[in-house]
PDB file of all heavy atoms in Angstrom:
ATOM      1  N   GLU A   1      -8.347  -4.194  18.630  1.00  0.00           N
ATOM      2  CA  GLU A   1      -8.115  -5.118  19.746  1.00  0.00           C
ATOM      3  C   GLU A   1      -7.634  -6.496  19.296  1.00  0.00           C
ATOM      4  O   GLU A   1      -7.946  -7.514  19.923  1.00  0.00           O
ATOM      5  CB  GLU A   1      -9.373  -5.239  20.615  1.00  0.00           C
ATOM      6  CG  GLU A   1      -9.787  -3.917  21.253  1.00  0.00           C
ATOM      7  CD  GLU A   1     -10.980  -4.061  22.179  1.00  0.00           C
ATOM      8  OE1 GLU A   1     -11.707  -5.063  22.051  1.00  0.00           O
ATOM      9  OE2 GLU A   1     -11.175  -3.177  23.026  1.00  0.00           O
ATOM     10  N   ASN A   2      -6.861  -6.535  18.225  1.00  0.00           N
ATOM     11  CA  ASN A   2      -6.184  -7.777  17.850  1.00  0.00           C
ATOM     12  C   ASN A   2      -4.979  -8.001  18.750  1.00  0.00           C
ATOM     13  O   ASN A   2      -4.577  -7.097  19.500  1.00  0.00           O
ATOM     14  CB  ASN A   2      -5.720  -7.699  16.383  1.00  0.00           C
ATOM     15  CG  ASN A   2      -4.811  -6.495  16.153  1.00  0.00           C
ATOM     16  OD1 ASN A   2      -5.295  -5.360  16.074  1.00  0.00           O
ATOM     17  ND2 ASN A   2      -3.513  -6.727  16.054  1.00  0.00           N
ATOM     18  N   GLN A   3      -4.405  -9.181  18.691  1.00  0.00           N
ATOM     19  CA  GLN A   3      -3.177  -9.426  19.443  1.00  0.00           C
ATOM     20  C   GLN A   3      -2.074  -8.534  18.884  1.00  0.00           C
ATOM     21  O   GLN A   3      -2.040  -8.215  17.697  1.00  0.00           O
ATOM     22  CB  GLN A   3      -2.762 -10.901  19.331  1.00  0.00           C
ATOM     23  CG  GLN A   3      -3.741 -11.876  19.965  1.00  0.00           C
ATOM     24  CD  GLN A   3      -3.863 -11.670  21.461  1.00  0.00           C
ATOM     25  OE1 GLN A   3      -2.851 -11.555  22.169  1.00  0.00           O
ATOM     26  NE2 GLN A   3      -5.096 -11.638  21.962  1.00  0.00           N
ATOM     27  N   LEU A   4      -1.158  -8.109  19.740  1.00  0.00           N
ATOM     28  CA  LEU A   4      -0.106  -7.192  19.335  1.00  0.00           C
ATOM     29  C   LEU A   4       0.642  -7.732  18.119  1.00  0.00           C
ATOM     30  O   LEU A   4       1.140  -8.857  18.122  1.00  0.00           O
ATOM     31  CB  LEU A   4       0.871  -6.956  20.485  1.00  0.00           C
ATOM     32  CG  LEU A   4       1.950  -5.892  20.235  1.00  0.00           C
ATOM     33  CD1 LEU A   4       1.323  -4.506  20.144  1.00  0.00           C
ATOM     34  CD2 LEU A   4       2.983  -5.932  21.360  1.00  0.00           C
ATOM     35  N   LEU A   5       0.704  -6.910  17.067  1.00  0.00           N
ATOM     36  CA  LEU A   5       1.341  -7.336  15.825  1.00  0.00           C
ATOM     37  C   LEU A   5       2.851  -7.143  15.882  1.00  0.00           C
ATOM     38  O   LEU A   5       3.354  -6.145  16.402  1.00  0.00           O
ATOM     39  CB  LEU A   5       0.783  -6.534  14.649  1.00  0.00           C
ATOM     40  CG  LEU A   5      -0.593  -6.961  14.138  1.00  0.00           C
ATOM     41  CD1 LEU A   5      -1.147  -5.930  13.161  1.00  0.00           C
ATOM     42  CD2 LEU A   5      -0.510  -8.325  13.463  1.00  0.00           C
ATOM     43  N   SER A   6       3.552  -8.126  15.330  1.00  0.00           N
ATOM     44  CA  SER A   6       4.998  -8.073  15.174  1.00  0.00           C
ATOM     45  C   SER A   6       5.344  -9.079  14.086  1.00  0.00           C
ATOM     46  O   SER A   6       4.501  -9.881  13.673  1.00  0.00           O
ATOM     47  CB  SER A   6       5.703  -8.447  16.487  1.00  0.00           C
ATOM     48  OG  SER A   6       5.562  -9.830  16.730  1.00  0.00           O
ATOM     49  N   PRO A   7       6.577  -9.066  13.577  1.00  0.00           N
ATOM     50  CA  PRO A   7       6.946 -10.034  12.541  1.00  0.00           C
ATOM     51  C   PRO A   7       6.779 -11.485  12.958  1.00  0.00           C
ATOM     52  O   PRO A   7       6.688 -12.374  12.097  1.00  0.00           O
ATOM     53  CB  PRO A   7       8.420  -9.696  12.264  1.00  0.00           C
ATOM     54  CG  PRO A   7       8.516  -8.237  12.558  1.00  0.00           C
ATOM     55  CD  PRO A   7       7.615  -8.032  13.750  1.00  0.00           C
ATOM     56  N   SER A   8       6.724 -11.754  14.262  1.00  0.00           N
ATOM     57  CA  SER A   8       6.531 -13.132  14.723  1.00  0.00           C
ATOM     58  C   SER A   8       5.060 -13.527  14.801  1.00  0.00           C
ATOM     59  O   SER A   8       4.739 -14.697  15.018  1.00  0.00           O
ATOM     60  CB  SER A   8       7.183 -13.322  16.095  1.00  0.00           C
ATOM     61  OG  SER A   8       6.575 -12.475  17.073  1.00  0.00           O
ATOM     62  N   HIS A   9       4.156 -12.579  14.641  1.00  0.00           N
ATOM     63  CA  HIS A   9       2.726 -12.878  14.646  1.00  0.00           C
ATOM     64  C   HIS A   9       2.400 -13.728  13.418  1.00  0.00           C
ATOM     65  O   HIS A   9       2.872 -13.440  12.312  1.00  0.00           O
ATOM     66  CB  HIS A   9       1.923 -11.574  14.620  1.00  0.00           C
ATOM     67  CG  HIS A   9       0.459 -11.750  14.849  1.00  0.00           C
ATOM     68  ND1 HIS A   9      -0.388 -12.313  13.910  1.00  0.00           N
ATOM     69  CD2 HIS A   9      -0.331 -11.428  15.918  1.00  0.00           C
ATOM     70  CE1 HIS A   9      -1.617 -12.333  14.379  1.00  0.00           C
ATOM     71  NE2 HIS A   9      -1.614 -11.795  15.603  1.00  0.00           N
ATOM     72  N   PRO A  10       1.595 -14.784  13.584  1.00  0.00           N
ATOM     73  CA  PRO A  10       1.307 -15.680  12.439  1.00  0.00           C
ATOM     74  C   PRO A  10       0.618 -15.008  11.267  1.00  0.00           C
ATOM     75  O   PRO A  10       0.665 -15.521  10.146  1.00  0.00           O
ATOM     76  CB  PRO A  10       0.425 -16.771  13.064  1.00  0.00           C
ATOM     77  CG  PRO A  10      -0.099 -16.187  14.338  1.00  0.00           C
ATOM     78  CD  PRO A  10       0.966 -15.266  14.828  1.00  0.00           C
ATOM     79  N   GLU A  11      -0.007 -13.846  11.493  1.00  0.00           N
ATOM     80  CA  GLU A  11      -0.690 -13.162  10.400  1.00  0.00           C
ATOM     81  C   GLU A  11      -0.048 -11.803  10.079  1.00  0.00           C
ATOM     82  O   GLU A  11      -0.684 -10.918   9.509  1.00  0.00           O
ATOM     83  CB  GLU A  11      -2.180 -13.001  10.742  1.00  0.00           C
ATOM     84  CG  GLU A  11      -2.892 -14.359  10.794  1.00  0.00           C
ATOM     85  CD  GLU A  11      -4.346 -14.248  11.192  1.00  0.00           C
ATOM     86  OE1 GLU A  11      -4.622 -13.668  12.268  1.00  0.00           O
ATOM     87  OE2 GLU A  11      -5.201 -14.741  10.442  1.00  0.00           O
ATOM     88  N   TRP A  12       1.228 -11.691  10.420  1.00  0.00           N
ATOM     89  CA  TRP A  12       1.963 -10.467  10.128  1.00  0.00           C
ATOM     90  C   TRP A  12       1.967 -10.145   8.636  1.00  0.00           C
ATOM     91  O   TRP A  12       1.825  -8.999   8.231  1.00  0.00           O
ATOM     92  CB  TRP A  12       3.398 -10.587  10.632  1.00  0.00           C
ATOM     93  CG  TRP A  12       4.301  -9.466  10.228  1.00  0.00           C
ATOM     94  CD1 TRP A  12       5.316  -9.511   9.306  1.00  0.00           C
ATOM     95  CD2 TRP A  12       4.269  -8.114  10.704  1.00  0.00           C
ATOM     96  NE1 TRP A  12       5.922  -8.289   9.189  1.00  0.00           N
ATOM     97  CE2 TRP A  12       5.303  -7.412  10.035  1.00  0.00           C
ATOM     98  CE3 TRP A  12       3.476  -7.428  11.628  1.00  0.00           C
ATOM     99  CZ2 TRP A  12       5.561  -6.066  10.265  1.00  0.00           C
ATOM    100  CZ3 TRP A  12       3.729  -6.091  11.858  1.00  0.00           C
ATOM    101  CH2 TRP A  12       4.749  -5.417  11.180  1.00  0.00           C
ATOM    102  N   ASP A  13       2.129 -11.176   7.815  1.00  0.00           N
ATOM    103  CA  ASP A  13       2.182 -10.960   6.364  1.00  0.00           C
ATOM    104  C   ASP A  13       0.889 -10.355   5.834  1.00  0.00           C
ATOM    105  O   ASP A  13       0.904  -9.603   4.857  1.00  0.00           O
ATOM    106  CB  ASP A  13       2.478 -12.270   5.631  1.00  0.00           C
ATOM    107  CG  ASP A  13       3.917 -12.726   5.818  1.00  0.00           C
ATOM    108  OD1 ASP A  13       4.734 -11.915   6.278  1.00  0.00           O
ATOM    109  OD2 ASP A  13       4.214 -13.891   5.507  1.00  0.00           O
ATOM    110  N   ILE A  14      -0.224 -10.676   6.463  1.00  0.00           N
ATOM    111  CA  ILE A  14      -1.505 -10.112   6.029  1.00  0.00           C
ATOM    112  C   ILE A  14      -1.515  -8.604   6.293  1.00  0.00           C
ATOM    113  O   ILE A  14      -1.928  -7.813   5.436  1.00  0.00           O
ATOM    114  CB  ILE A  14      -2.679 -10.792   6.758  1.00  0.00           C
ATOM    115  CG1 ILE A  14      -2.767 -12.265   6.338  1.00  0.00           C
ATOM    116  CG2 ILE A  14      -4.000 -10.081   6.475  1.00  0.00           C
ATOM    117  CD1 ILE A  14      -3.785 -13.060   7.118  1.00  0.00           C
ATOM    118  N   PHE A  15      -1.038  -8.200   7.454  1.00  0.00           N
ATOM    119  CA  PHE A  15      -0.981  -6.770   7.759  1.00  0.00           C
ATOM    120  C   PHE A  15      -0.066  -6.042   6.777  1.00  0.00           C
ATOM    121  O   PHE A  15      -0.414  -4.985   6.249  1.00  0.00           O
ATOM    122  CB  PHE A  15      -0.501  -6.546   9.194  1.00  0.00           C
ATOM    123  CG  PHE A  15      -0.348  -5.088   9.551  1.00  0.00           C
ATOM    124  CD1 PHE A  15      -1.464  -4.310   9.831  1.00  0.00           C
ATOM    125  CD2 PHE A  15       0.912  -4.491   9.573  1.00  0.00           C
ATOM    126  CE1 PHE A  15      -1.330  -2.957  10.128  1.00  0.00           C
ATOM    127  CE2 PHE A  15       1.055  -3.144   9.875  1.00  0.00           C
ATOM    128  CZ  PHE A  15      -0.063  -2.382  10.157  1.00  0.00           C
ATOM    129  N   MET A  16       1.099  -6.628   6.522  1.00  0.00           N
ATOM    130  CA  MET A  16       2.038  -5.976   5.611  1.00  0.00           C
ATOM    131  C   MET A  16       1.484  -5.907   4.191  1.00  0.00           C
ATOM    132  O   MET A  16       1.674  -4.913   3.492  1.00  0.00           O
ATOM    133  CB  MET A  16       3.382  -6.706   5.618  1.00  0.00           C
ATOM    134  CG  MET A  16       4.243  -6.400   6.829  1.00  0.00           C
ATOM    135  SD  MET A  16       4.537  -4.613   7.117  1.00  0.00           S
ATOM    136  CE  MET A  16       5.217  -4.090   5.542  1.00  0.00           C
ATOM    137  N   GLU A  17       0.797  -6.954   3.752  1.00  0.00           N
ATOM    138  CA  GLU A  17       0.179  -6.922   2.426  1.00  0.00           C
ATOM    139  C   GLU A  17      -0.847  -5.792   2.337  1.00  0.00           C
ATOM    140  O   GLU A  17      -0.916  -5.058   1.344  1.00  0.00           O
ATOM    141  CB  GLU A  17      -0.505  -8.257   2.111  1.00  0.00           C
ATOM    142  CG  GLU A  17       0.439  -9.371   1.729  1.00  0.00           C
ATOM    143  CD  GLU A  17      -0.301 -10.641   1.363  1.00  0.00           C
ATOM    144  OE1 GLU A  17      -1.548 -10.612   1.294  1.00  0.00           O
ATOM    145  OE2 GLU A  17       0.360 -11.669   1.145  1.00  0.00           O
ATOM    146  N   GLY A  18      -1.637  -5.664   3.387  1.00  0.00           N
ATOM    147  CA  GLY A  18      -2.647  -4.608   3.411  1.00  0.00           C
ATOM    148  C   GLY A  18      -2.028  -3.230   3.425  1.00  0.00           C
ATOM    149  O   GLY A  18      -2.463  -2.326   2.692  1.00  0.00           O
ATOM    150  N   LEU A  19      -0.989  -3.033   4.246  1.00  0.00           N
ATOM    151  CA  LEU A  19      -0.325  -1.736   4.330  1.00  0.00           C
ATOM    152  C   LEU A  19       0.329  -1.377   2.997  1.00  0.00           C
ATOM    153  O   LEU A  19       0.191  -0.249   2.500  1.00  0.00           O
ATOM    154  CB  LEU A  19       0.723  -1.755   5.449  1.00  0.00           C
ATOM    155  CG  LEU A  19       1.548  -0.475   5.634  1.00  0.00           C
ATOM    156  CD1 LEU A  19       0.654   0.717   5.928  1.00  0.00           C
ATOM    157  CD2 LEU A  19       2.578  -0.671   6.745  1.00  0.00           C
ATOM    158  N   GLU A  20       1.015  -2.328   2.398  1.00  0.00           N
ATOM    159  CA  GLU A  20       1.668  -2.061   1.112  1.00  0.00           C
ATOM    160  C   GLU A  20       0.644  -1.793   0.015  1.00  0.00           C
ATOM    161  O   GLU A  20       0.871  -0.965  -0.871  1.00  0.00           O
ATOM    162  CB  GLU A  20       2.571  -3.231   0.739  1.00  0.00           C
ATOM    163  CG  GLU A  20       3.824  -3.315   1.608  1.00  0.00           C
ATOM    164  CD  GLU A  20       4.658  -4.543   1.337  1.00  0.00           C
ATOM    165  OE1 GLU A  20       4.371  -5.263   0.338  1.00  0.00           O
ATOM    166  OE2 GLU A  20       5.602  -4.811   2.114  1.00  0.00           O
ATOM    167  N   GLU A  21      -0.484  -2.467   0.074  1.00  0.00           N
ATOM    168  CA  GLU A  21      -1.521  -2.249  -0.935  1.00  0.00           C
ATOM    169  C   GLU A  21      -2.080  -0.833  -0.849  1.00  0.00           C
ATOM    170  O   GLU A  21      -2.259  -0.162  -1.873  1.00  0.00           O
ATOM    171  CB  GLU A  21      -2.653  -3.262  -0.765  1.00  0.00           C
ATOM    172  CG  GLU A  21      -3.703  -3.205  -1.852  1.00  0.00           C
ATOM    173  CD  GLU A  21      -3.192  -3.648  -3.220  1.00  0.00           C
ATOM    174  OE1 GLU A  21      -2.208  -4.393  -3.296  1.00  0.00           O
ATOM    175  OE2 GLU A  21      -3.800  -3.218  -4.222  1.00  0.00           O
ATOM    176  N   ILE A  22      -2.342  -0.347   0.355  1.00  0.00           N
ATOM    177  CA  ILE A  22      -2.862   1.009   0.517  1.00  0.00           C
ATOM    178  C   ILE A  22      -1.821   2.035   0.058  1.00  0.00           C
ATOM    179  O   ILE A  22      -2.142   2.978  -0.676  1.00  0.00           O
ATOM    180  CB  ILE A  22      -3.257   1.266   1.989  1.00  0.00           C
ATOM    181  CG1 ILE A  22      -4.433   0.369   2.382  1.00  0.00           C
ATOM    182  CG2 ILE A  22      -3.608   2.740   2.207  1.00  0.00           C
ATOM    183  CD1 ILE A  22      -5.639   0.479   1.479  1.00  0.00           C
ATOM    184  N   CYS A  23      -0.576   1.848   0.464  1.00  0.00           N
ATOM    185  CA  CYS A  23       0.475   2.773   0.031  1.00  0.00           C
ATOM    186  C   CYS A  23       0.643   2.734  -1.485  1.00  0.00           C
ATOM    187  O   CYS A  23       0.853   3.773  -2.119  1.00  0.00           O
ATOM    188  CB  CYS A  23       1.790   2.430   0.726  1.00  0.00           C
ATOM    189  SG  CYS A  23       1.818   2.778   2.499  1.00  0.00           S
ATOM    190  N   LYS A  24       0.548   1.553  -2.085  1.00  0.00           N
ATOM    191  CA  LYS A  24       0.683   1.432  -3.536  1.00  0.00           C
ATOM    192  C   LYS A  24      -0.442   2.162  -4.254  1.00  0.00           C
ATOM    193  O   LYS A  24      -0.205   2.878  -5.235  1.00  0.00           O
ATOM    194  CB  LYS A  24       0.700  -0.038  -3.953  1.00  0.00           C
ATOM    195  CG  LYS A  24       0.887  -0.241  -5.456  1.00  0.00           C
ATOM    196  CD  LYS A  24       0.905  -1.711  -5.834  1.00  0.00           C
ATOM    197  CE  LYS A  24      -0.478  -2.315  -5.837  1.00  0.00           C
ATOM    198  NZ  LYS A  24      -0.489  -3.691  -6.377  1.00  0.00           N
ATOM    199  N   GLU A  25      -1.665   1.987  -3.775  1.00  0.00           N
ATOM    200  CA  GLU A  25      -2.798   2.651  -4.429  1.00  0.00           C
ATOM    201  C   GLU A  25      -2.664   4.170  -4.351  1.00  0.00           C
ATOM    202  O   GLU A  25      -2.927   4.878  -5.324  1.00  0.00           O
ATOM    203  CB  GLU A  25      -4.116   2.193  -3.790  1.00  0.00           C
ATOM    204  CG  GLU A  25      -4.517   0.783  -4.178  1.00  0.00           C
ATOM    205  CD  GLU A  25      -4.612   0.607  -5.686  1.00  0.00           C
ATOM    206  OE1 GLU A  25      -5.337   1.381  -6.336  1.00  0.00           O
ATOM    207  OE2 GLU A  25      -3.936  -0.291  -6.219  1.00  0.00           O
ATOM    208  N   LEU A  26      -2.254   4.672  -3.203  1.00  0.00           N
ATOM    209  CA  LEU A  26      -2.066   6.119  -3.070  1.00  0.00           C
ATOM    210  C   LEU A  26      -0.924   6.605  -3.966  1.00  0.00           C
ATOM    211  O   LEU A  26      -1.030   7.649  -4.620  1.00  0.00           O
ATOM    212  CB  LEU A  26      -1.780   6.480  -1.612  1.00  0.00           C
ATOM    213  CG  LEU A  26      -2.919   6.238  -0.610  1.00  0.00           C
ATOM    214  CD1 LEU A  26      -2.447   6.528   0.805  1.00  0.00           C
ATOM    215  CD2 LEU A  26      -4.150   7.075  -0.942  1.00  0.00           C
ATOM    216  N   ALA A  27       0.161   5.841  -4.009  1.00  0.00           N
ATOM    217  CA  ALA A  27       1.303   6.222  -4.844  1.00  0.00           C
ATOM    218  C   ALA A  27       0.918   6.254  -6.318  1.00  0.00           C
ATOM    219  O   ALA A  27       1.285   7.185  -7.052  1.00  0.00           O
ATOM    220  CB  ALA A  27       2.459   5.245  -4.614  1.00  0.00           C
ATOM    221  N   LYS A  28       0.186   5.257  -6.771  1.00  0.00           N
ATOM    222  CA  LYS A  28      -0.229   5.211  -8.175  1.00  0.00           C
ATOM    223  C   LYS A  28      -1.149   6.381  -8.515  1.00  0.00           C
ATOM    224  O   LYS A  28      -1.072   6.953  -9.608  1.00  0.00           O
ATOM    225  CB  LYS A  28      -0.925   3.883  -8.474  1.00  0.00           C
ATOM    226  CG  LYS A  28       0.016   2.698  -8.524  1.00  0.00           C
ATOM    227  CD  LYS A  28      -0.731   1.381  -8.612  1.00  0.00           C
ATOM    228  CE  LYS A  28      -1.500   1.229  -9.897  1.00  0.00           C
ATOM    229  NZ  LYS A  28      -2.150  -0.100  -9.985  1.00  0.00           N
ATOM    230  N   LYS A  29      -2.016   6.747  -7.579  1.00  0.00           N
ATOM    231  CA  LYS A  29      -2.918   7.869  -7.830  1.00  0.00           C
ATOM    232  C   LYS A  29      -2.143   9.179  -7.924  1.00  0.00           C
ATOM    233  O   LYS A  29      -2.495  10.069  -8.708  1.00  0.00           O
ATOM    234  CB  LYS A  29      -3.982   7.940  -6.729  1.00  0.00           C
ATOM    235  CG  LYS A  29      -5.010   6.807  -6.837  1.00  0.00           C
ATOM    236  CD  LYS A  29      -6.019   6.831  -5.704  1.00  0.00           C
ATOM    237  CE  LYS A  29      -7.031   5.689  -5.866  1.00  0.00           C
ATOM    238  NZ  LYS A  29      -8.041   5.674  -4.790  1.00  0.00           N
ATOM    239  N   ILE A  30      -1.071   9.313  -7.129  1.00  0.00           N
ATOM    240  CA  ILE A  30      -0.227  10.500  -7.228  1.00  0.00           C
ATOM    241  C   ILE A  30       0.461  10.535  -8.590  1.00  0.00           C
ATOM    242  O   ILE A  30       0.488  11.569  -9.265  1.00  0.00           O
ATOM    243  CB  ILE A  30       0.818  10.515  -6.090  1.00  0.00           C
ATOM    244  CG1 ILE A  30       0.133  10.794  -4.741  1.00  0.00           C
ATOM    245  CG2 ILE A  30       1.897  11.567  -6.354  1.00  0.00           C
ATOM    246  CD1 ILE A  30       1.046  10.651  -3.546  1.00  0.00           C
ATOM    247  N   ALA A  31       1.013   9.408  -9.006  1.00  0.00           N
ATOM    248  CA  ALA A  31       1.706   9.354 -10.299  1.00  0.00           C
ATOM    249  C   ALA A  31       0.749   9.659 -11.446  1.00  0.00           C
ATOM    250  O   ALA A  31       1.091  10.403 -12.371  1.00  0.00           O
ATOM    251  CB  ALA A  31       2.349   7.981 -10.488  1.00  0.00           C
ATOM    252  N   ARG A  32      -0.440   9.088 -11.398  1.00  0.00           N
ATOM    253  CA  ARG A  32      -1.413   9.315 -12.476  1.00  0.00           C
ATOM    254  C   ARG A  32      -1.858  10.772 -12.525  1.00  0.00           C
ATOM    255  O   ARG A  32      -2.187  11.296 -13.598  1.00  0.00           O
ATOM    256  CB  ARG A  32      -2.632   8.400 -12.286  1.00  0.00           C
ATOM    257  CG  ARG A  32      -3.776   8.662 -13.265  1.00  0.00           C
ATOM    258  CD  ARG A  32      -3.320   8.499 -14.708  1.00  0.00           C
ATOM    259  NE  ARG A  32      -4.354   8.857 -15.662  1.00  0.00           N
ATOM    260  CZ  ARG A  32      -4.563  10.085 -16.137  1.00  0.00           C
ATOM    261  NH1 ARG A  32      -3.780  11.099 -15.740  1.00  0.00           N
ATOM    262  NH2 ARG A  32      -5.517  10.336 -17.008  1.00  0.00           N
ATOM    263  N   ASP A  33      -1.846  11.439 -11.378  1.00  0.00           N
ATOM    264  CA  ASP A  33      -2.300  12.829 -11.318  1.00  0.00           C
ATOM    265  C   ASP A  33      -1.143  13.801 -11.476  1.00  0.00           C
ATOM    266  O   ASP A  33      -1.245  14.961 -11.112  1.00  0.00           O
ATOM    267  CB  ASP A  33      -3.021  13.084  -9.992  1.00  0.00           C
ATOM    268  CG  ASP A  33      -3.830  14.376 -10.001  1.00  0.00           C
ATOM    269  OD1 ASP A  33      -4.345  14.744 -11.077  1.00  0.00           O
ATOM    270  OD2 ASP A  33      -3.940  15.011  -8.941  1.00  0.00           O
ATOM    271  N   GLY A  34      -0.019  13.331 -12.014  1.00  0.00           N
ATOM    272  CA  GLY A  34       1.102  14.231 -12.283  1.00  0.00           C
ATOM    273  C   GLY A  34       0.635  15.421 -13.096  1.00  0.00           C
ATOM    274  O   GLY A  34      -0.246  15.295 -13.956  1.00  0.00           O
ATOM    275  N   GLU A  35       1.207  16.568 -12.835  1.00  0.00           N
ATOM    276  CA  GLU A  35       0.724  17.810 -13.444  1.00  0.00           C
ATOM    277  C   GLU A  35       0.675  17.698 -14.965  1.00  0.00           C
ATOM    278  O   GLU A  35       1.693  17.472 -15.622  1.00  0.00           O
ATOM    279  CB  GLU A  35       1.613  18.970 -13.007  1.00  0.00           C
ATOM    280  CG  GLU A  35       1.389  19.322 -11.541  1.00  0.00           C
ATOM    281  CD  GLU A  35       2.423  20.262 -10.976  1.00  0.00           C
ATOM    282  OE1 GLU A  35       3.528  20.341 -11.513  1.00  0.00           O
ATOM    283  OE2 GLU A  35       2.107  20.902  -9.957  1.00  0.00           O
ATOM    284  N   GLY A  36      -0.518  17.831 -15.513  1.00  0.00           N
ATOM    285  CA  GLY A  36      -0.734  17.770 -16.948  1.00  0.00           C
ATOM    286  C   GLY A  36      -0.759  16.369 -17.527  1.00  0.00           C
ATOM    287  O   GLY A  36      -0.902  16.200 -18.742  1.00  0.00           O
ATOM    288  N   ALA A  37      -0.636  15.341 -16.700  1.00  0.00           N
ATOM    289  CA  ALA A  37      -0.494  13.967 -17.191  1.00  0.00           C
ATOM    290  C   ALA A  37      -1.769  13.453 -17.846  1.00  0.00           C
ATOM    291  O   ALA A  37      -2.880  13.808 -17.457  1.00  0.00           O
ATOM    292  CB  ALA A  37      -0.094  13.040 -16.057  1.00  0.00           C
ATOM    293  N   THR A  38      -1.575  12.589 -18.842  1.00  0.00           N
ATOM    294  CA  THR A  38      -2.699  11.893 -19.477  1.00  0.00           C
ATOM    295  C   THR A  38      -2.587  10.380 -19.320  1.00  0.00           C
ATOM    296  O   THR A  38      -3.550   9.671 -19.556  1.00  0.00           O
ATOM    297  CB  THR A  38      -2.777  12.219 -20.977  1.00  0.00           C
ATOM    298  OG1 THR A  38      -1.628  11.696 -21.648  1.00  0.00           O
ATOM    299  CG2 THR A  38      -2.857  13.716 -21.210  1.00  0.00           C
ATOM    300  N   LYS A  39      -1.401   9.894 -18.919  1.00  0.00           N
ATOM    301  CA  LYS A  39      -1.172   8.457 -18.813  1.00  0.00           C
ATOM    302  C   LYS A  39      -0.432   8.117 -17.517  1.00  0.00           C
ATOM    303  O   LYS A  39       0.454   8.853 -17.075  1.00  0.00           O
ATOM    304  CB  LYS A  39      -0.310   7.942 -19.975  1.00  0.00           C
ATOM    305  CG  LYS A  39      -0.811   8.277 -21.374  1.00  0.00           C
ATOM    306  CD  LYS A  39      -1.969   7.398 -21.792  1.00  0.00           C
ATOM    307  CE  LYS A  39      -2.343   7.666 -23.257  1.00  0.00           C
ATOM    308  NZ  LYS A  39      -3.515   6.863 -23.680  1.00  0.00           N
ATOM    309  N   LEU A  40      -0.793   6.987 -16.924  1.00  0.00           N
ATOM    310  CA  LEU A  40       0.006   6.376 -15.869  1.00  0.00           C
ATOM    311  C   LEU A  40       0.958   5.399 -16.539  1.00  0.00           C
ATOM    312  O   LEU A  40       0.544   4.596 -17.375  1.00  0.00           O
ATOM    313  CB  LEU A  40      -0.888   5.632 -14.876  1.00  0.00           C
ATOM    314  CG  LEU A  40      -0.151   4.794 -13.813  1.00  0.00           C
ATOM    315  CD1 LEU A  40       0.562   5.686 -12.814  1.00  0.00           C
ATOM    316  CD2 LEU A  40      -1.123   3.863 -13.092  1.00  0.00           C
ATOM    317  N   ILE A  41       2.232   5.484 -16.200  1.00  0.00           N
ATOM    318  CA  ILE A  41       3.226   4.560 -16.745  1.00  0.00           C
ATOM    319  C   ILE A  41       3.686   3.624 -15.630  1.00  0.00           C
ATOM    320  O   ILE A  41       4.115   4.078 -14.565  1.00  0.00           O
ATOM    321  CB  ILE A  41       4.448   5.314 -17.314  1.00  0.00           C
ATOM    322  CG1 ILE A  41       4.014   6.338 -18.372  1.00  0.00           C
ATOM    323  CG2 ILE A  41       5.448   4.327 -17.911  1.00  0.00           C
ATOM    324  CD1 ILE A  41       5.143   7.240 -18.837  1.00  0.00           C
ATOM    325  N   GLU A  42       3.591   2.329 -15.874  1.00  0.00           N
ATOM    326  CA  GLU A  42       4.059   1.320 -14.927  1.00  0.00           C
ATOM    327  C   GLU A  42       5.238   0.589 -15.557  1.00  0.00           C
ATOM    328  O   GLU A  42       5.114   0.032 -16.650  1.00  0.00           O
ATOM    329  CB  GLU A  42       2.947   0.333 -14.595  1.00  0.00           C
ATOM    330  CG  GLU A  42       3.368  -0.745 -13.606  1.00  0.00           C
ATOM    331  CD  GLU A  42       2.223  -1.681 -13.237  1.00  0.00           C
ATOM    332  OE1 GLU A  42       1.884  -2.534 -14.089  1.00  0.00           O
ATOM    333  OE2 GLU A  42       1.678  -1.554 -12.131  1.00  0.00           O
TER     334      GLU A  42
END
């Protein structure tokens, strides 16, 4: 029940930071779990 989010919302950047952080964490976990992998490479 926050105010409707859009790029003009004063806290839009906070939402985008949070969304990108979650996607990044999931992406890194996929990369680290590559079949047979022992190392994550960044």
